Protein backbone atom coordinates (compact mmCIF):
# COMPACT_ATOMS: atom_id res chain seq x y z
CA MET A 1 -30.92 -3.62 13.96
CA THR A 2 -32.85 -7.00 13.60
CA ARG A 3 -31.74 -10.15 15.11
CA GLN A 4 -31.09 -11.50 11.55
CA ASN A 5 -28.95 -8.43 10.88
CA ALA A 6 -26.80 -8.75 14.09
CA ASN A 7 -26.11 -12.42 13.08
CA ILE A 8 -24.89 -11.42 9.76
CA HIS A 9 -22.55 -8.78 11.18
CA GLU A 10 -21.53 -11.03 13.73
CA VAL A 11 -20.59 -13.75 11.35
CA ILE A 12 -18.90 -11.20 9.13
CA ASP A 13 -16.58 -10.07 12.13
CA ILE A 14 -15.63 -13.88 12.64
CA VAL A 15 -14.85 -14.32 8.99
CA VAL A 16 -12.65 -11.02 8.77
CA ASN A 17 -10.79 -12.11 11.70
CA ILE A 18 -10.14 -15.51 10.17
CA LEU A 19 -8.87 -13.91 6.97
CA ASN A 20 -6.69 -11.55 8.82
CA ALA A 21 -5.18 -14.54 10.75
CA ARG A 22 -4.56 -16.17 7.39
CA ASP A 23 -3.36 -13.36 5.63
CA PRO A 24 -3.63 -9.75 7.02
CA TYR A 25 -3.45 -8.15 3.51
CA THR A 26 -6.55 -10.25 2.59
CA SER A 27 -8.63 -8.75 5.59
CA ILE A 28 -7.42 -5.01 4.60
CA HIS A 29 -8.10 -5.66 0.82
CA SER A 30 -11.71 -6.66 1.63
CA TRP A 31 -12.51 -3.76 3.79
CA ARG A 32 -11.11 -1.36 0.90
CA VAL A 33 -13.35 -3.36 -1.64
CA ALA A 34 -16.38 -3.11 0.39
CA GLU A 35 -15.99 0.70 0.79
CA LEU A 36 -15.37 1.19 -2.88
CA SER A 37 -18.15 -1.07 -4.07
CA VAL A 38 -20.69 0.95 -1.84
CA MET A 39 -19.44 4.00 -3.36
CA ILE A 40 -19.98 2.90 -6.66
CA ALA A 41 -23.51 1.51 -5.65
CA ASN A 42 -24.31 5.14 -4.18
CA ALA A 43 -23.25 6.79 -7.30
CA MET A 44 -25.65 4.38 -9.11
CA ALA A 45 -28.59 5.24 -6.89
CA LEU A 46 -29.15 1.69 -5.92
CA PRO A 47 -31.64 1.09 -3.11
CA GLU A 48 -30.55 0.74 0.27
CA LYS A 49 -31.14 -2.98 0.72
CA GLU A 50 -29.11 -3.92 -2.33
CA LYS A 51 -26.31 -1.52 -1.19
CA GLU A 52 -26.25 -3.41 2.09
CA ILE A 53 -26.09 -6.80 0.12
CA ILE A 54 -23.19 -5.47 -1.95
CA HIS A 55 -21.24 -4.24 1.14
CA ILE A 56 -21.63 -7.79 3.00
CA ALA A 57 -20.76 -9.60 -0.34
CA ALA A 58 -17.70 -7.16 -1.15
CA HIS A 59 -16.42 -8.27 2.59
CA LEU A 60 -16.72 -11.89 2.01
CA HIS A 61 -15.82 -11.96 -1.80
CA ASP A 62 -12.38 -13.63 -0.97
CA ILE A 63 -13.38 -15.92 1.54
CA GLY A 64 -12.72 -18.81 -0.78
CA LYS A 65 -9.19 -18.22 -0.28
CA ILE A 66 -9.17 -19.99 2.94
CA GLY A 67 -9.42 -23.05 1.11
CA ILE A 68 -6.14 -22.41 -1.26
CA CYS A 69 -2.95 -23.78 0.40
CA ASP A 70 -0.45 -21.47 1.87
CA LYS A 71 2.24 -22.61 -0.54
CA VAL A 72 0.15 -21.22 -3.36
CA LEU A 73 -1.49 -18.35 -1.71
CA ASN A 74 1.78 -16.84 -0.31
CA LYS A 75 3.96 -17.84 -3.11
CA PRO A 76 6.74 -15.16 -3.40
CA GLY A 77 6.92 -15.56 -7.12
CA LYS A 78 5.18 -15.96 -10.36
CA LEU A 79 2.29 -18.64 -10.32
CA ALA A 80 2.69 -21.75 -12.36
CA ILE A 81 -0.48 -22.59 -14.44
CA GLU A 82 -1.62 -25.40 -12.17
CA GLU A 83 -1.35 -22.83 -9.44
CA LYS A 84 -3.40 -20.01 -11.14
CA GLU A 85 -6.04 -22.77 -11.56
CA GLU A 86 -5.98 -23.30 -7.78
CA ILE A 87 -6.26 -19.54 -7.34
CA GLN A 88 -9.14 -19.31 -9.78
CA ALA A 89 -10.88 -21.84 -7.76
CA HIS A 90 -11.50 -19.57 -4.94
CA PRO A 91 -14.82 -17.89 -5.99
CA ARG A 92 -16.56 -21.37 -5.99
CA ILE A 93 -14.90 -22.35 -2.82
CA GLY A 94 -16.30 -19.30 -1.27
CA CYS A 95 -19.74 -19.88 -2.67
CA ASN A 96 -19.88 -23.29 -1.25
CA ILE A 97 -18.94 -22.09 1.91
CA LEU A 98 -21.42 -19.30 2.06
CA LYS A 99 -24.50 -21.23 0.56
CA ARG A 100 -24.47 -23.62 3.33
CA LEU A 101 -25.57 -20.70 5.58
CA PRO A 102 -29.33 -19.53 4.75
CA LEU A 103 -28.35 -15.94 5.68
CA PHE A 104 -26.03 -15.87 2.82
CA GLU A 105 -27.52 -17.72 0.16
CA ASP A 106 -28.24 -14.47 -2.15
CA ILE A 107 -24.46 -13.30 -1.17
CA SER A 108 -23.00 -16.71 -2.23
CA TRP A 109 -23.87 -16.29 -5.73
CA ILE A 110 -22.48 -12.73 -5.81
CA VAL A 111 -19.33 -14.14 -4.59
CA LEU A 112 -19.32 -16.87 -7.13
CA TYR A 113 -19.23 -14.42 -10.11
CA HIS A 114 -17.20 -11.73 -8.93
CA HIS A 115 -14.30 -12.68 -11.35
CA GLU A 116 -16.58 -13.13 -14.26
CA ARG A 117 -15.73 -10.74 -17.19
CA PHE A 118 -18.24 -8.71 -19.26
CA ASP A 119 -16.85 -10.45 -22.31
CA GLY A 120 -17.59 -13.67 -21.04
CA LEU A 121 -14.08 -14.76 -20.64
CA GLY A 122 -13.86 -14.70 -16.86
CA TYR A 123 -14.19 -17.55 -14.49
CA PRO A 124 -15.64 -19.74 -12.97
CA GLU A 125 -18.48 -20.17 -15.32
CA GLY A 126 -17.73 -17.69 -18.21
CA ILE A 127 -21.02 -15.95 -17.99
CA LYS A 128 -21.20 -12.41 -19.68
CA GLY A 129 -22.88 -9.00 -19.71
CA GLY A 130 -26.07 -8.63 -17.79
CA GLY A 131 -26.00 -12.31 -17.04
CA ILE A 132 -23.38 -11.41 -14.33
CA PRO A 133 -25.21 -10.16 -11.18
CA LEU A 134 -24.78 -6.41 -10.77
CA ALA A 135 -23.56 -6.62 -7.54
CA SER A 136 -20.66 -8.88 -8.68
CA ARG A 137 -20.02 -6.72 -11.77
CA ILE A 138 -19.62 -3.76 -9.06
CA ILE A 139 -17.04 -5.67 -6.94
CA SER A 140 -15.22 -6.88 -9.69
CA VAL A 141 -14.45 -3.05 -10.49
CA ALA A 142 -13.71 -2.43 -6.92
CA ASP A 143 -11.57 -5.29 -6.54
CA ALA A 144 -9.32 -4.61 -9.61
CA ALA A 145 -9.11 -0.81 -8.57
CA ASP A 146 -7.79 -1.58 -5.14
CA ALA A 147 -5.41 -4.38 -6.44
CA ILE A 148 -3.87 -1.76 -9.13
CA ILE A 149 -3.44 1.10 -6.50
CA ALA A 150 -1.85 -1.39 -4.04
CA GLY A 151 1.99 -1.58 -4.13
CA ARG A 152 3.82 -4.53 -5.07
CA SER A 153 7.48 -5.62 -4.25
CA TYR A 154 7.86 -6.21 -8.20
CA ARG A 155 6.17 -2.89 -9.23
CA ARG A 156 5.40 0.67 -8.00
CA ALA A 157 1.72 1.27 -6.74
CA LYS A 158 -0.06 3.18 -9.43
CA ASN A 159 -1.89 6.50 -8.77
CA ILE A 160 -5.57 7.23 -9.09
CA GLU A 161 -5.33 8.71 -12.53
CA GLU A 162 -3.36 5.69 -13.82
CA CYS A 163 -5.76 3.40 -11.96
CA PHE A 164 -8.82 4.92 -13.41
CA GLY A 165 -7.14 4.89 -16.96
CA GLU A 166 -6.47 1.33 -16.95
CA ILE A 167 -9.85 0.33 -15.77
CA GLU A 168 -11.63 2.51 -18.18
CA LEU A 169 -9.53 1.02 -21.18
CA HIS A 170 -11.13 -2.44 -20.22
CA ALA A 171 -14.70 -1.16 -20.02
CA GLY A 172 -16.74 -3.51 -22.20
CA SER A 173 -14.16 -6.43 -22.25
CA GLN A 174 -13.27 -7.15 -18.71
CA PHE A 175 -15.77 -4.57 -16.79
CA CYS A 176 -19.31 -3.52 -17.02
CA PRO A 177 -19.37 -0.25 -18.94
CA THR A 178 -22.34 1.07 -16.85
CA VAL A 179 -20.37 0.45 -13.65
CA ILE A 180 -17.19 2.12 -15.06
CA SER A 181 -19.38 5.19 -16.00
CA HIS A 182 -20.50 5.71 -12.76
CA MET A 183 -17.36 5.04 -11.03
CA MET A 184 -15.73 7.66 -13.20
CA LYS A 185 -17.86 10.36 -11.77
CA ILE A 186 -16.72 9.78 -8.08
CA GLN A 187 -12.92 9.71 -8.84
CA ASN A 188 -12.15 12.26 -6.40
CA GLU A 189 -14.03 10.80 -3.70
CA ILE A 190 -12.40 7.25 -4.29
CA GLU A 191 -8.97 8.84 -3.89
CA VAL A 192 -9.82 10.28 -0.69
CA VAL A 193 -11.14 6.74 0.55
CA LEU A 194 -8.27 4.80 -0.90
CA ASN A 195 -5.52 7.16 0.76
CA LYS A 196 -7.57 6.89 4.03
CA LEU A 197 -7.40 3.06 4.10
CA LYS A 198 -3.63 2.84 2.92
CA ILE A 199 -2.16 -0.44 2.32
CA GLU A 200 1.47 -1.28 2.44
CA GLU A 201 3.62 -2.76 -0.04
CA ILE A 202 2.43 -6.41 -0.76
CA LYS A 203 5.24 -8.77 -0.76
CA HIS A 204 3.98 -11.93 -2.63
CA TYR A 205 2.11 -12.34 -6.02
CA ALA A 206 -0.36 -14.81 -5.49
CA PHE A 207 -3.03 -13.19 -3.17
CA VAL A 208 -4.57 -10.73 -5.76
CA GLY A 209 -3.08 -11.77 -9.11
CA HIS A 210 -4.01 -8.39 -10.52
CA GLU A 211 -0.27 -7.73 -11.78
CA GLU A 212 -1.98 -7.73 -15.13
CA LEU A 213 -5.65 -7.13 -15.46
CA MET A 214 -5.85 -9.83 -18.20
CA HIS A 215 -5.07 -12.47 -15.15
CA SER A 216 -8.75 -12.63 -15.11
CA ARG A 217 -9.24 -14.94 -18.24
CA ARG A 218 -10.48 -18.13 -17.30
CA LEU A 219 -8.05 -21.13 -17.02
CA ILE A 220 -10.35 -23.78 -15.80
């Protein structure tokens, strides 16, 4: 391992610990999204260097939620419009944090675009299709899959078949069809990983915001 790689992983460990102190589910969710993202990247036969970048970016994709106030982040009920707007600021906050460090310059843009939609209705910039970095498109799918499967106090966790069905339904609108097609090939492997990295029921609405997939439409 090079000194640069060591530095990257040291920083990631620090960030994960900060996220865990702020909201333990954030940290667990980021680990799961990182695992799923790399599995999809493997199914797509991406180069090792690209997979490493995706893995790091997935771990850090929600770092911007450090900048969201506790009142909104941990709200026990549905969010008001202005609170949703605050939540939707987290990709840009994350990008602004990461791009200050030369080690994370490339990763910062992946984080910025991880809530963009394939149809251009996502946030923060409304870019679409191939204009969205491939890494961001992969993390977007992994992020949604994990959120759908995790239980909530207001709804039961969906099983893997329901999760894949819901995500496949949004291929070409919210999600990149190419990423979805490769993800569908490894459904059984993904189920094993998600069962291994189990998440307990989530007690609040605001953290992920995937109670409906269409939450992802841009408000700001």
